[in-house]
Amino acid sequence: QVGRSTESPIDFVVTDTISGTQNNDETQITQSTISRFACRIVCDRSPPYTARIFAAGFDSSKNIFLGEKAAKWKNPDGHMDGLTTNGVLVMHPRGGFTEESKPGVWREISVCGDVYTLRETRSAQQRGKLV
């Protein structure tokens, strides 16, 4: 599980970097663009070694946790889905992972693992289009 929280459910803590800071002694306060509980990555350890990304995180009771400002909706099948407040974005490079690869299109991952086009702004309540 990945996020900016240092609470025990988080396996990998990530923090924002501030561009333009030349001196490591300088400390700038900024609003984080990384969710406390950003996403969970699940990888199969046997063939075909599938990896899945699910936005949101899980609290100490193993329940899905989304912030109160996060976009949420009910899918046609009746299941709830949503996006983290700041979004979990992925990009698959064109040409695969080689020295010649080029940047691909950024997409956003939902709680249920669906892939959407980007929202108008990262924290918008309206989700992008299902890809």
N, C-alpha and C. Protein backbone atom coordinates (compact mmCIF):
# COMPACT_ATOMS: atom_id res chain seq x y z
N GLN A 1 0.85 -1.18 0.00
CA GLN A 1 0.00 0.00 0.00
C GLN A 1 0.89 1.23 0.00
N VAL A 2 0.52 2.23 -0.79
CA VAL A 2 1.33 3.43 -1.00
C VAL A 2 0.55 4.66 -0.56
N GLY A 3 1.22 5.62 0.04
CA GLY A 3 0.58 6.88 0.42
C GLY A 3 1.54 7.76 1.20
N ARG A 4 1.09 8.97 1.57
CA ARG A 4 1.96 9.88 2.32
C ARG A 4 1.85 9.69 3.82
N SER A 5 0.85 8.93 4.28
CA SER A 5 0.68 8.68 5.71
C SER A 5 1.80 7.79 6.23
N THR A 6 2.21 8.01 7.46
CA THR A 6 3.21 7.14 8.08
C THR A 6 2.54 6.13 9.00
N GLU A 7 1.21 6.00 8.91
CA GLU A 7 0.48 5.03 9.73
C GLU A 7 0.83 3.61 9.27
N SER A 8 0.62 2.66 10.17
CA SER A 8 1.07 1.28 9.92
C SER A 8 0.50 0.61 8.67
N PRO A 9 -0.73 0.91 8.19
CA PRO A 9 -1.18 0.22 6.98
C PRO A 9 -0.38 0.58 5.73
N ILE A 10 0.41 1.64 5.77
CA ILE A 10 1.16 2.08 4.59
C ILE A 10 2.50 1.36 4.54
N ASP A 11 2.75 0.68 3.42
CA ASP A 11 4.00 -0.05 3.23
C ASP A 11 5.09 0.85 2.64
N PHE A 12 4.69 1.76 1.73
CA PHE A 12 5.63 2.66 1.07
C PHE A 12 5.16 4.09 1.25
N VAL A 13 5.92 4.88 2.00
CA VAL A 13 5.58 6.28 2.23
C VAL A 13 6.24 7.13 1.16
N VAL A 14 5.44 7.94 0.47
CA VAL A 14 5.96 8.84 -0.55
C VAL A 14 5.66 10.28 -0.16
N THR A 15 6.56 11.18 -0.51
CA THR A 15 6.37 12.59 -0.18
C THR A 15 6.52 13.43 -1.43
N ASP A 16 5.95 14.62 -1.38
CA ASP A 16 6.10 15.56 -2.49
C ASP A 16 7.51 16.10 -2.51
N THR A 17 7.97 16.49 -3.69
CA THR A 17 9.21 17.23 -3.82
C THR A 17 8.85 18.62 -4.28
N ILE A 18 9.62 19.59 -3.85
CA ILE A 18 9.35 20.97 -4.22
C ILE A 18 10.35 21.36 -5.29
N SER A 19 9.85 21.63 -6.49
CA SER A 19 10.76 21.97 -7.58
C SER A 19 11.35 23.35 -7.34
N GLY A 20 12.57 23.53 -7.78
CA GLY A 20 13.22 24.82 -7.68
C GLY A 20 14.01 25.03 -6.40
N THR A 21 13.89 24.13 -5.43
CA THR A 21 14.64 24.28 -4.19
C THR A 21 16.07 23.81 -4.44
N GLN A 22 17.02 24.71 -4.31
CA GLN A 22 18.42 24.40 -4.59
C GLN A 22 19.15 23.91 -3.34
N ASN A 23 18.74 24.39 -2.20
CA ASN A 23 19.46 24.11 -0.96
C ASN A 23 18.64 23.15 -0.11
N ASN A 24 19.24 22.05 0.32
CA ASN A 24 18.53 21.08 1.14
C ASN A 24 18.11 21.63 2.49
N ASP A 25 18.74 22.76 2.92
CA ASP A 25 18.39 23.35 4.20
C ASP A 25 17.10 24.15 4.13
N GLU A 26 16.67 24.52 2.91
CA GLU A 26 15.44 25.28 2.76
C GLU A 26 14.25 24.37 2.98
N THR A 27 13.30 24.84 3.78
CA THR A 27 12.09 24.07 4.00
C THR A 27 10.92 24.92 3.57
N GLN A 28 10.14 24.42 2.63
CA GLN A 28 8.96 25.13 2.18
C GLN A 28 7.74 24.30 2.55
N ILE A 29 6.72 24.96 3.04
CA ILE A 29 5.48 24.28 3.38
C ILE A 29 4.57 24.37 2.17
N THR A 30 4.02 23.25 1.76
CA THR A 30 3.12 23.22 0.62
C THR A 30 2.04 22.18 0.88
N GLN A 31 0.90 22.35 0.25
CA GLN A 31 -0.18 21.37 0.35
C GLN A 31 0.25 20.13 -0.42
N SER A 32 0.13 18.95 0.17
CA SER A 32 0.55 17.74 -0.50
C SER A 32 -0.40 17.39 -1.63
N THR A 33 0.14 16.88 -2.72
CA THR A 33 -0.67 16.39 -3.82
C THR A 33 -0.75 14.87 -3.80
N ILE A 34 -0.27 14.27 -2.71
CA ILE A 34 -0.30 12.82 -2.56
C ILE A 34 -1.29 12.49 -1.45
N SER A 35 -2.23 11.58 -1.73
CA SER A 35 -3.23 11.20 -0.74
C SER A 35 -2.60 10.43 0.42
N ARG A 36 -3.21 10.58 1.60
CA ARG A 36 -2.72 9.84 2.77
C ARG A 36 -2.67 8.35 2.49
N PHE A 37 -3.76 7.82 1.93
CA PHE A 37 -3.84 6.43 1.51
C PHE A 37 -4.07 6.47 0.01
N ALA A 38 -3.01 6.46 -0.79
CA ALA A 38 -3.14 6.70 -2.23
C ALA A 38 -3.64 5.48 -2.99
N CYS A 39 -2.95 4.35 -2.88
CA CYS A 39 -3.36 3.20 -3.66
C CYS A 39 -2.82 1.91 -3.07
N ARG A 40 -3.37 0.82 -3.55
CA ARG A 40 -2.89 -0.51 -3.21
C ARG A 40 -2.51 -1.19 -4.52
N ILE A 41 -1.35 -1.80 -4.54
CA ILE A 41 -0.87 -2.52 -5.71
C ILE A 41 -0.84 -4.00 -5.34
N VAL A 42 -1.53 -4.81 -6.14
CA VAL A 42 -1.61 -6.25 -5.89
C VAL A 42 -0.97 -6.97 -7.06
N CYS A 43 0.03 -7.80 -6.79
CA CYS A 43 0.75 -8.53 -7.84
C CYS A 43 0.63 -10.03 -7.60
N ASP A 44 0.27 -10.76 -8.67
CA ASP A 44 0.25 -12.22 -8.58
C ASP A 44 1.69 -12.73 -8.58
N ARG A 45 1.97 -13.70 -7.72
CA ARG A 45 3.33 -14.24 -7.63
C ARG A 45 3.53 -15.48 -8.48
N SER A 46 2.51 -15.82 -9.25
CA SER A 46 2.64 -16.95 -10.18
C SER A 46 2.13 -16.50 -11.54
N PRO A 47 2.56 -17.18 -12.61
CA PRO A 47 2.17 -16.76 -13.96
C PRO A 47 0.66 -16.59 -14.06
N PRO A 48 0.19 -15.56 -14.76
CA PRO A 48 0.92 -14.67 -15.67
C PRO A 48 1.44 -13.40 -14.99
N TYR A 49 1.64 -13.40 -13.68
CA TYR A 49 2.24 -12.27 -12.95
C TYR A 49 1.49 -10.96 -13.18
N THR A 50 0.19 -11.00 -13.04
CA THR A 50 -0.65 -9.83 -13.25
C THR A 50 -0.49 -8.85 -12.09
N ALA A 51 -0.41 -7.56 -12.42
CA ALA A 51 -0.38 -6.51 -11.40
C ALA A 51 -1.63 -5.67 -11.54
N ARG A 52 -2.26 -5.34 -10.40
CA ARG A 52 -3.47 -4.51 -10.40
C ARG A 52 -3.26 -3.34 -9.46
N ILE A 53 -3.79 -2.19 -9.84
CA ILE A 53 -3.70 -0.99 -9.00
C ILE A 53 -5.12 -0.59 -8.63
N PHE A 54 -5.34 -0.34 -7.34
CA PHE A 54 -6.62 0.11 -6.84
C PHE A 54 -6.41 1.42 -6.11
N ALA A 55 -7.12 2.49 -6.52
CA ALA A 55 -7.01 3.77 -5.84
C ALA A 55 -7.63 3.64 -4.46
N ALA A 56 -7.24 4.51 -3.55
CA ALA A 56 -7.68 4.53 -2.16
C ALA A 56 -6.80 3.59 -1.35
N GLY A 57 -7.02 3.58 -0.11
CA GLY A 57 -6.24 2.73 0.76
C GLY A 57 -7.14 2.00 1.71
N PHE A 58 -6.53 1.28 2.59
CA PHE A 58 -7.28 0.50 3.55
C PHE A 58 -6.80 0.86 4.94
N ASP A 59 -7.75 1.11 5.84
CA ASP A 59 -7.39 1.50 7.21
C ASP A 59 -6.99 0.27 8.01
N SER A 60 -6.74 0.46 9.30
CA SER A 60 -6.29 -0.64 10.15
C SER A 60 -7.33 -1.74 10.30
N SER A 61 -8.61 -1.44 10.00
CA SER A 61 -9.67 -2.45 10.03
C SER A 61 -9.86 -3.11 8.66
N LYS A 62 -8.97 -2.79 7.71
CA LYS A 62 -9.00 -3.32 6.35
C LYS A 62 -10.23 -2.88 5.56
N ASN A 63 -10.79 -1.71 5.92
CA ASN A 63 -11.89 -1.12 5.18
C ASN A 63 -11.33 -0.07 4.23
N ILE A 64 -11.97 0.08 3.05
CA ILE A 64 -11.53 1.11 2.11
C ILE A 64 -11.69 2.46 2.77
N PHE A 65 -10.70 3.32 2.56
CA PHE A 65 -10.71 4.65 3.15
C PHE A 65 -10.54 5.69 2.05
N LEU A 66 -11.53 6.57 1.92
CA LEU A 66 -11.45 7.71 1.00
C LEU A 66 -11.74 8.97 1.80
N GLY A 67 -11.10 10.06 1.44
CA GLY A 67 -11.36 11.33 2.11
C GLY A 67 -12.77 11.82 1.84
N GLU A 68 -13.26 12.71 2.68
CA GLU A 68 -14.64 13.19 2.52
C GLU A 68 -14.84 13.98 1.24
N LYS A 69 -13.76 14.57 0.69
CA LYS A 69 -13.87 15.34 -0.55
C LYS A 69 -13.69 14.49 -1.80
N ALA A 70 -13.44 13.22 -1.64
CA ALA A 70 -13.20 12.33 -2.78
C ALA A 70 -14.48 12.12 -3.59
N ALA A 71 -14.33 12.01 -4.91
CA ALA A 71 -15.47 11.72 -5.79
C ALA A 71 -15.91 10.27 -5.58
N LYS A 72 -17.22 10.07 -5.41
CA LYS A 72 -17.78 8.73 -5.20
C LYS A 72 -19.04 8.58 -6.03
N TRP A 73 -19.34 7.35 -6.51
CA TRP A 73 -20.54 7.10 -7.29
C TRP A 73 -20.89 5.63 -7.22
N LYS A 74 -22.12 5.31 -7.63
CA LYS A 74 -22.56 3.91 -7.70
C LYS A 74 -22.56 3.50 -9.17
N ASN A 75 -21.89 2.38 -9.47
CA ASN A 75 -21.84 1.85 -10.83
C ASN A 75 -23.18 1.22 -11.20
N PRO A 76 -23.45 1.02 -12.50
CA PRO A 76 -24.71 0.38 -12.91
C PRO A 76 -24.94 -0.98 -12.26
N ASP A 77 -23.85 -1.68 -11.91
CA ASP A 77 -24.01 -2.99 -11.27
C ASP A 77 -24.29 -2.88 -9.77
N GLY A 78 -24.39 -1.65 -9.26
CA GLY A 78 -24.72 -1.44 -7.85
C GLY A 78 -23.53 -1.28 -6.93
N HIS A 79 -22.32 -1.52 -7.42
CA HIS A 79 -21.12 -1.39 -6.59
C HIS A 79 -20.71 0.08 -6.49
N MET A 80 -20.22 0.47 -5.33
CA MET A 80 -19.70 1.82 -5.15
C MET A 80 -18.29 1.88 -5.73
N ASP A 81 -17.94 3.01 -6.28
CA ASP A 81 -16.60 3.25 -6.81
C ASP A 81 -16.25 4.70 -6.47
N GLY A 82 -15.02 5.07 -6.67
CA GLY A 82 -14.62 6.43 -6.37
C GLY A 82 -13.19 6.69 -6.78
N LEU A 83 -12.77 7.94 -6.58
CA LEU A 83 -11.42 8.38 -6.90
C LEU A 83 -10.84 9.04 -5.65
N THR A 84 -9.55 8.91 -5.46
CA THR A 84 -8.94 9.60 -4.33
C THR A 84 -9.02 11.10 -4.58
N THR A 85 -8.92 11.88 -3.54
CA THR A 85 -9.03 13.33 -3.64
C THR A 85 -8.06 13.89 -4.68
N ASN A 86 -6.81 13.43 -4.67
CA ASN A 86 -5.80 13.94 -5.59
C ASN A 86 -5.60 13.06 -6.81
N GLY A 87 -6.22 11.90 -6.84
CA GLY A 87 -6.11 11.01 -7.98
C GLY A 87 -4.90 10.09 -7.92
N VAL A 88 -5.05 8.92 -8.49
CA VAL A 88 -3.95 7.98 -8.68
C VAL A 88 -3.79 7.86 -10.19
N LEU A 89 -2.68 8.39 -10.70
CA LEU A 89 -2.47 8.48 -12.14
C LEU A 89 -1.41 7.49 -12.59
N VAL A 90 -1.64 6.90 -13.75
CA VAL A 90 -0.67 5.97 -14.34
C VAL A 90 -0.46 6.35 -15.80
N MET A 91 0.71 5.99 -16.31
CA MET A 91 1.02 6.25 -17.71
C MET A 91 1.85 5.07 -18.20
N HIS A 92 1.42 4.50 -19.31
CA HIS A 92 2.17 3.42 -19.94
C HIS A 92 2.92 4.02 -21.12
N PRO A 93 4.25 3.94 -21.12
CA PRO A 93 5.01 4.57 -22.20
C PRO A 93 4.75 3.89 -23.54
N ARG A 94 4.71 4.72 -24.60
CA ARG A 94 4.59 4.18 -25.96
C ARG A 94 5.90 3.52 -26.32
N GLY A 95 5.84 2.32 -26.84
CA GLY A 95 7.06 1.59 -27.19
C GLY A 95 7.56 0.73 -26.05
N GLY A 96 6.77 0.59 -24.99
CA GLY A 96 7.18 -0.24 -23.86
C GLY A 96 8.23 0.44 -23.00
N PHE A 97 8.89 -0.31 -22.19
CA PHE A 97 9.91 0.22 -21.28
C PHE A 97 11.29 0.00 -21.86
N THR A 98 11.64 0.85 -22.84
CA THR A 98 12.94 0.77 -23.49
C THR A 98 13.54 2.18 -23.53
N GLU A 99 14.78 2.27 -23.97
CA GLU A 99 15.43 3.57 -24.09
C GLU A 99 14.76 4.43 -25.15
N GLU A 100 14.10 3.81 -26.13
CA GLU A 100 13.45 4.54 -27.20
C GLU A 100 12.00 4.90 -26.89
N SER A 101 11.49 4.48 -25.75
CA SER A 101 10.08 4.72 -25.45
C SER A 101 9.79 6.21 -25.29
N LYS A 102 8.55 6.56 -25.57
CA LYS A 102 8.05 7.93 -25.47
C LYS A 102 6.93 7.96 -24.44
N PRO A 103 6.67 9.13 -23.83
CA PRO A 103 5.57 9.20 -22.86
C PRO A 103 4.24 8.83 -23.50
N GLY A 104 3.42 8.15 -22.74
CA GLY A 104 2.08 7.79 -23.20
C GLY A 104 1.05 8.76 -22.63
N VAL A 105 -0.20 8.34 -22.63
CA VAL A 105 -1.30 9.15 -22.14
C VAL A 105 -1.52 8.85 -20.66
N TRP A 106 -1.68 9.89 -19.85
CA TRP A 106 -1.97 9.70 -18.42
C TRP A 106 -3.42 9.29 -18.25
N ARG A 107 -3.65 8.35 -17.33
CA ARG A 107 -4.99 7.86 -17.00
C ARG A 107 -5.14 7.86 -15.48
N GLU A 108 -6.40 7.80 -15.02
CA GLU A 108 -6.67 7.77 -13.58
C GLU A 108 -7.32 6.46 -13.20
N ILE A 109 -6.92 5.92 -12.06
CA ILE A 109 -7.41 4.63 -11.58
C ILE A 109 -8.44 4.86 -10.48
N SER A 110 -9.54 4.11 -10.53
CA SER A 110 -10.59 4.23 -9.50
C SER A 110 -10.37 3.20 -8.39
N VAL A 111 -11.18 3.31 -7.35
CA VAL A 111 -11.12 2.38 -6.23
C VAL A 111 -11.29 0.94 -6.71
N CYS A 112 -12.20 0.72 -7.66
CA CYS A 112 -12.45 -0.63 -8.18
C CYS A 112 -11.44 -1.06 -9.23
N GLY A 113 -10.46 -0.20 -9.54
CA GLY A 113 -9.43 -0.54 -10.50
C GLY A 113 -9.78 -0.21 -11.93
N ASP A 114 -10.90 0.51 -12.15
CA ASP A 114 -11.25 0.93 -13.51
C ASP A 114 -10.33 2.06 -13.94
N VAL A 115 -10.19 2.24 -15.25
CA VAL A 115 -9.30 3.26 -15.82
C VAL A 115 -10.14 4.33 -16.49
N TYR A 116 -9.84 5.60 -16.16
CA TYR A 116 -10.59 6.74 -16.67
C TYR A 116 -9.64 7.75 -17.31
N THR A 117 -10.19 8.57 -18.22
CA THR A 117 -9.44 9.73 -18.70
C THR A 117 -9.29 10.68 -17.52
N LEU A 118 -8.36 11.62 -17.62
CA LEU A 118 -8.13 12.54 -16.51
C LEU A 118 -9.33 13.46 -16.31
N ARG A 119 -9.54 13.84 -15.05
CA ARG A 119 -10.58 14.82 -14.72
C ARG A 119 -10.13 16.21 -15.17
N GLU A 120 -11.07 17.15 -15.19
CA GLU A 120 -10.75 18.52 -15.58
C GLU A 120 -9.67 19.10 -14.68
N THR A 121 -9.80 18.87 -13.37
CA THR A 121 -8.74 19.20 -12.41
C THR A 121 -8.55 17.97 -11.55
N ARG A 122 -7.42 17.87 -10.87
CA ARG A 122 -7.13 16.65 -10.10
C ARG A 122 -8.14 16.38 -9.01
N SER A 123 -8.74 17.42 -8.44
CA SER A 123 -9.68 17.20 -7.33
C SER A 123 -11.14 17.40 -7.73
N ALA A 124 -11.43 17.47 -9.04
CA ALA A 124 -12.81 17.67 -9.49
C ALA A 124 -13.69 16.51 -9.04
N GLN A 125 -14.96 16.81 -8.78
CA GLN A 125 -15.92 15.77 -8.36
C GLN A 125 -16.40 14.93 -9.53
N GLN A 126 -16.31 15.44 -10.75
CA GLN A 126 -16.76 14.71 -11.94
C GLN A 126 -15.62 13.85 -12.48
N ARG A 127 -15.84 12.54 -12.56
CA ARG A 127 -14.81 11.64 -13.08
C ARG A 127 -14.66 11.81 -14.59
N GLY A 128 -13.54 11.32 -15.12
CA GLY A 128 -13.33 11.32 -16.56
C GLY A 128 -14.14 10.21 -17.21
N LYS A 129 -13.88 9.95 -18.48
CA LYS A 129 -14.60 8.91 -19.21
C LYS A 129 -13.92 7.57 -18.99
N LEU A 130 -14.74 6.52 -18.85
CA LEU A 130 -14.22 5.16 -18.68
C LEU A 130 -13.46 4.77 -19.93
N VAL A 131 -12.25 4.25 -19.75
CA VAL A 131 -11.42 3.83 -20.89
C VAL A 131 -11.50 2.31 -21.01
